Amino acid sequence: MRRLTITTVLICLAVAAGPTWAATPVEVITDAVELLTVGLDARKDEFAEDKDALYAFIDGILLPRFDREFAAGAVLGTHWRTATDEQKSRFIAAFYSSLVHRYADGILEFDTDRVEILPFRGAPKRTATVKTNVRLDDSTKVPVHYTLVNREDKWRMFNVTIEGVSYVRNYKMELDSQIRDSGLEKVIQRLETEAGLVASE
């Protein structure tokens, strides 16, 4: 897991893009890689100097293709049921924005030659997992699996699992402890600050 800190970032953010809502889960992944590559080839130097431009680039790819509500609900777990509508809305925005800001730098190291998308087996239903291998500098292949959900006839990504470790499960454990210690409102406020949605005190 440690070796893939940067890879986690770039794949998790890039994978959700696709050209059409009718795309299959594999097409969503494949087209996302291509779309990200085109943008980086043309603007990589600009993004390295201008983080706001990088954030906007990532957001333009990710926002329409990432199921923010489904991912947020999965991460909050039981806390989602007790949250107010306002808290849910704020958590969705803060969680998504904090992901973009936290992992944006990894996008700059994206290399499509390192990604091998494996054949999809079975017929996708409500959820589907697309399996890939990512080749590291030492030629080691690391399994990176993406889980997508089909809601309203739209395939969108909500989870990534690296070497058997799910980011949704990790975030859920991390935030559950924080929420139990300080409450959901405090956690939302911290995420909003990290994401730049509110000014830090």
Protein backbone atom coordinates (compact mmCIF):
# COMPACT_ATOMS: atom_id res chain seq x y z
CA MET A 1 0.00 0.00 0.00
CA ARG A 2 2.85 2.37 0.87
CA ARG A 3 4.42 2.00 -2.57
CA LEU A 4 1.25 3.12 -4.31
CA THR A 5 0.53 6.39 -2.55
CA ILE A 6 0.92 8.40 -5.75
CA THR A 7 -0.56 5.76 -8.00
CA THR A 8 -3.62 5.57 -5.77
CA VAL A 9 -4.13 9.25 -6.26
CA LEU A 10 -3.93 9.40 -9.99
CA ILE A 11 -6.01 6.31 -10.71
CA CYS A 12 -8.66 7.07 -8.14
CA LEU A 13 -9.22 10.47 -9.67
CA ALA A 14 -8.78 9.62 -13.33
CA VAL A 15 -10.68 6.41 -13.64
CA ALA A 16 -14.17 7.84 -13.38
CA ALA A 17 -14.17 9.73 -16.66
CA GLY A 18 -15.85 8.44 -19.79
CA PRO A 19 -17.22 9.82 -23.05
CA THR A 20 -20.82 8.62 -22.75
CA TRP A 21 -23.18 7.46 -20.05
CA ALA A 22 -23.78 4.28 -22.08
CA ALA A 23 -20.14 3.22 -21.65
CA THR A 24 -19.45 -0.13 -20.06
CA PRO A 25 -17.33 -0.19 -16.88
CA VAL A 26 -14.22 -1.17 -18.87
CA GLU A 27 -14.84 1.58 -21.42
CA VAL A 28 -15.17 4.08 -18.59
CA ILE A 29 -11.72 3.12 -17.34
CA THR A 30 -10.07 2.96 -20.74
CA ASP A 31 -11.45 6.27 -21.95
CA ALA A 32 -10.52 7.95 -18.69
CA VAL A 33 -6.88 6.96 -19.04
CA GLU A 34 -6.81 8.31 -22.58
CA LEU A 35 -8.54 11.55 -21.63
CA LEU A 36 -6.16 12.18 -18.77
CA THR A 37 -3.14 11.46 -20.94
CA VAL A 38 -4.18 13.96 -23.61
CA GLY A 39 -4.62 16.69 -21.02
CA LEU A 40 -1.31 16.01 -19.31
CA ASP A 41 0.62 15.85 -22.57
CA ALA A 42 -0.61 19.32 -23.46
CA ARG A 43 -0.57 21.04 -20.06
CA LYS A 44 1.69 19.17 -17.64
CA ASP A 45 4.14 22.05 -17.18
CA GLU A 46 1.27 24.45 -16.60
CA PHE A 47 -0.29 22.18 -13.99
CA ALA A 48 3.03 21.84 -12.16
CA GLU A 49 3.10 25.61 -11.68
CA ASP A 50 -0.62 26.30 -11.25
CA LYS A 51 -2.42 24.11 -8.73
CA ASP A 52 -5.76 25.82 -9.32
CA ALA A 53 -5.55 24.88 -13.00
CA LEU A 54 -4.70 21.30 -11.99
CA TYR A 55 -7.66 21.14 -9.61
CA ALA A 56 -9.97 22.46 -12.33
CA PHE A 57 -8.64 19.92 -14.83
CA ILE A 58 -9.21 17.02 -12.43
CA ASP A 59 -12.63 18.32 -11.46
CA GLY A 60 -13.68 18.62 -15.10
CA ILE A 61 -12.91 14.94 -15.64
CA LEU A 62 -14.02 13.55 -12.32
CA LEU A 63 -17.07 15.44 -11.12
CA PRO A 64 -19.61 14.17 -13.69
CA ARG A 65 -18.33 10.59 -13.46
CA PHE A 66 -17.72 10.05 -9.76
CA ASP A 67 -20.71 9.10 -7.61
CA ARG A 68 -19.99 11.49 -4.77
CA GLU A 69 -23.15 10.72 -2.82
CA PHE A 70 -22.75 6.95 -3.03
CA ALA A 71 -19.08 7.16 -2.01
CA ALA A 72 -19.83 9.57 0.84
CA GLY A 73 -22.59 7.31 2.17
CA ALA A 74 -20.30 4.30 2.02
CA VAL A 75 -17.56 6.15 3.90
CA LEU A 76 -19.85 7.53 6.63
CA GLY A 77 -21.66 4.22 7.11
CA THR A 78 -24.06 4.37 10.06
CA HIS A 79 -23.28 8.06 10.60
CA TRP A 80 -24.94 8.79 7.25
CA ARG A 81 -28.31 7.73 8.63
CA THR A 82 -28.13 10.11 11.57
CA ALA A 83 -26.69 13.09 9.67
CA THR A 84 -28.97 15.98 8.78
CA ASP A 85 -29.59 16.82 5.13
CA GLU A 86 -27.35 19.87 5.51
CA GLN A 87 -24.54 17.79 6.98
CA LYS A 88 -24.85 15.22 4.19
CA SER A 89 -24.62 17.92 1.54
CA ARG A 90 -21.62 19.56 3.21
CA PHE A 91 -19.86 16.24 3.76
CA ILE A 92 -20.29 15.22 0.12
CA ALA A 93 -18.74 18.49 -1.05
CA ALA A 94 -15.97 18.52 1.54
CA PHE A 95 -15.05 14.86 1.11
CA TYR A 96 -14.87 15.16 -2.67
CA SER A 97 -12.88 18.39 -2.61
CA SER A 98 -10.45 17.09 -0.01
CA LEU A 99 -9.77 14.04 -2.21
CA VAL A 100 -9.01 16.26 -5.20
CA HIS A 101 -6.71 18.54 -3.21
CA ARG A 102 -4.99 15.78 -1.29
CA TYR A 103 -4.14 13.66 -4.30
CA ALA A 104 -3.77 16.16 -7.14
CA ASP A 105 0.03 16.07 -7.26
CA GLY A 106 -0.02 12.36 -8.07
CA ILE A 107 -1.81 13.09 -11.33
CA LEU A 108 1.32 14.77 -12.68
CA GLU A 109 3.18 11.45 -12.52
CA PHE A 110 0.54 9.56 -14.47
CA ASP A 111 1.93 7.18 -17.10
CA THR A 112 -0.53 5.18 -19.19
CA ASP A 113 2.18 2.71 -20.18
CA ARG A 114 2.18 1.46 -16.59
CA VAL A 115 -1.52 0.57 -16.56
CA GLU A 116 -2.78 -2.80 -17.80
CA ILE A 117 -6.56 -3.13 -17.92
CA LEU A 118 -7.56 -6.78 -17.56
CA PRO A 119 -10.47 -8.39 -19.47
CA PHE A 120 -13.80 -8.02 -17.73
CA ARG A 121 -15.49 -11.28 -16.82
CA GLY A 122 -19.21 -11.71 -16.27
CA ALA A 123 -22.15 -9.40 -16.89
CA PRO A 124 -22.16 -6.15 -14.89
CA LYS A 125 -25.26 -5.55 -12.77
CA ARG A 126 -25.64 -2.79 -10.19
CA THR A 127 -21.96 -2.80 -9.31
CA ALA A 128 -18.94 -3.95 -11.27
CA THR A 129 -15.24 -4.26 -10.55
CA VAL A 130 -12.69 -3.50 -13.25
CA LYS A 131 -9.30 -5.03 -12.52
CA THR A 132 -6.00 -3.52 -13.56
CA ASN A 133 -2.31 -3.97 -12.87
CA VAL A 134 0.02 -1.02 -12.33
CA ARG A 135 3.70 -1.53 -13.08
CA LEU A 136 6.10 0.09 -10.61
CA ASP A 137 9.62 1.35 -11.31
CA ASP A 138 11.06 -2.05 -10.40
CA SER A 139 8.66 -3.74 -12.89
CA THR A 140 6.55 -5.19 -10.07
CA LYS A 141 2.88 -5.44 -11.00
CA VAL A 142 0.45 -4.28 -8.34
CA PRO A 143 -3.29 -5.08 -8.55
CA VAL A 144 -5.52 -2.01 -8.55
CA HIS A 145 -9.26 -2.70 -8.78
CA TYR A 146 -12.00 -0.14 -9.39
CA THR A 147 -15.58 -0.58 -8.27
CA LEU A 148 -18.31 1.25 -10.15
CA VAL A 149 -22.00 1.54 -9.41
CA ASN A 150 -24.80 1.83 -11.94
CA ARG A 151 -27.41 4.34 -10.80
CA GLU A 152 -29.88 5.98 -13.17
CA ASP A 153 -28.22 4.08 -16.01
CA LYS A 154 -24.91 5.79 -15.33
CA TRP A 155 -21.73 3.91 -14.49
CA ARG A 156 -19.70 5.89 -11.99
CA MET A 157 -16.75 4.98 -9.82
CA PHE A 158 -16.90 5.07 -6.04
CA ASN A 159 -14.11 2.83 -4.74
CA VAL A 160 -10.57 1.70 -5.51
CA THR A 161 -8.84 -1.30 -3.95
CA ILE A 162 -5.04 -1.56 -4.01
CA GLU A 163 -3.34 -4.79 -3.06
CA GLY A 164 -6.55 -5.84 -1.35
CA VAL A 165 -6.92 -2.60 0.62
CA SER A 166 -10.09 -0.58 -0.05
CA TYR A 167 -9.90 3.20 0.19
CA VAL A 168 -13.59 3.34 1.20
CA ARG A 169 -12.95 0.93 4.05
CA ASN A 170 -9.84 2.85 5.13
CA TYR A 171 -11.61 6.21 5.12
CA LYS A 172 -14.58 4.71 6.90
CA MET A 173 -12.40 3.41 9.73
CA GLU A 174 -10.45 6.67 9.96
CA LEU A 175 -13.48 8.94 10.02
CA ASP A 176 -15.56 6.68 12.24
CA SER A 177 -12.96 7.04 14.98
CA GLN A 178 -12.81 10.81 14.53
CA ILE A 179 -16.59 11.18 14.49
CA ARG A 180 -16.93 9.14 17.68
CA ASP A 181 -14.29 11.30 19.36
CA SER A 182 -15.34 14.76 18.24
CA GLY A 183 -18.63 14.45 16.36
CA LEU A 184 -19.61 14.60 12.70
CA GLU A 185 -19.83 18.39 12.62
CA LYS A 186 -16.19 18.80 13.68
CA VAL A 187 -15.05 16.29 11.07
CA ILE A 188 -16.98 18.09 8.33
CA GLN A 189 -15.50 21.41 9.39
CA ARG A 190 -11.98 19.96 9.25
CA LEU A 191 -12.54 18.55 5.78
CA GLU A 192 -14.00 21.85 4.60
CA THR A 193 -10.88 23.64 5.84
CA GLU A 194 -8.54 21.11 4.21
CA ALA A 195 -10.40 21.46 0.93
CA GLY A 196 -10.28 25.23 1.05
CA LEU A 197 -14.07 25.52 1.20
CA VAL A 198 -13.82 27.69 4.31
CA ALA A 199 -11.01 29.84 5.63
CA SER A 200 -8.84 28.31 8.37
CA GLU A 201 -8.99 30.03 11.74
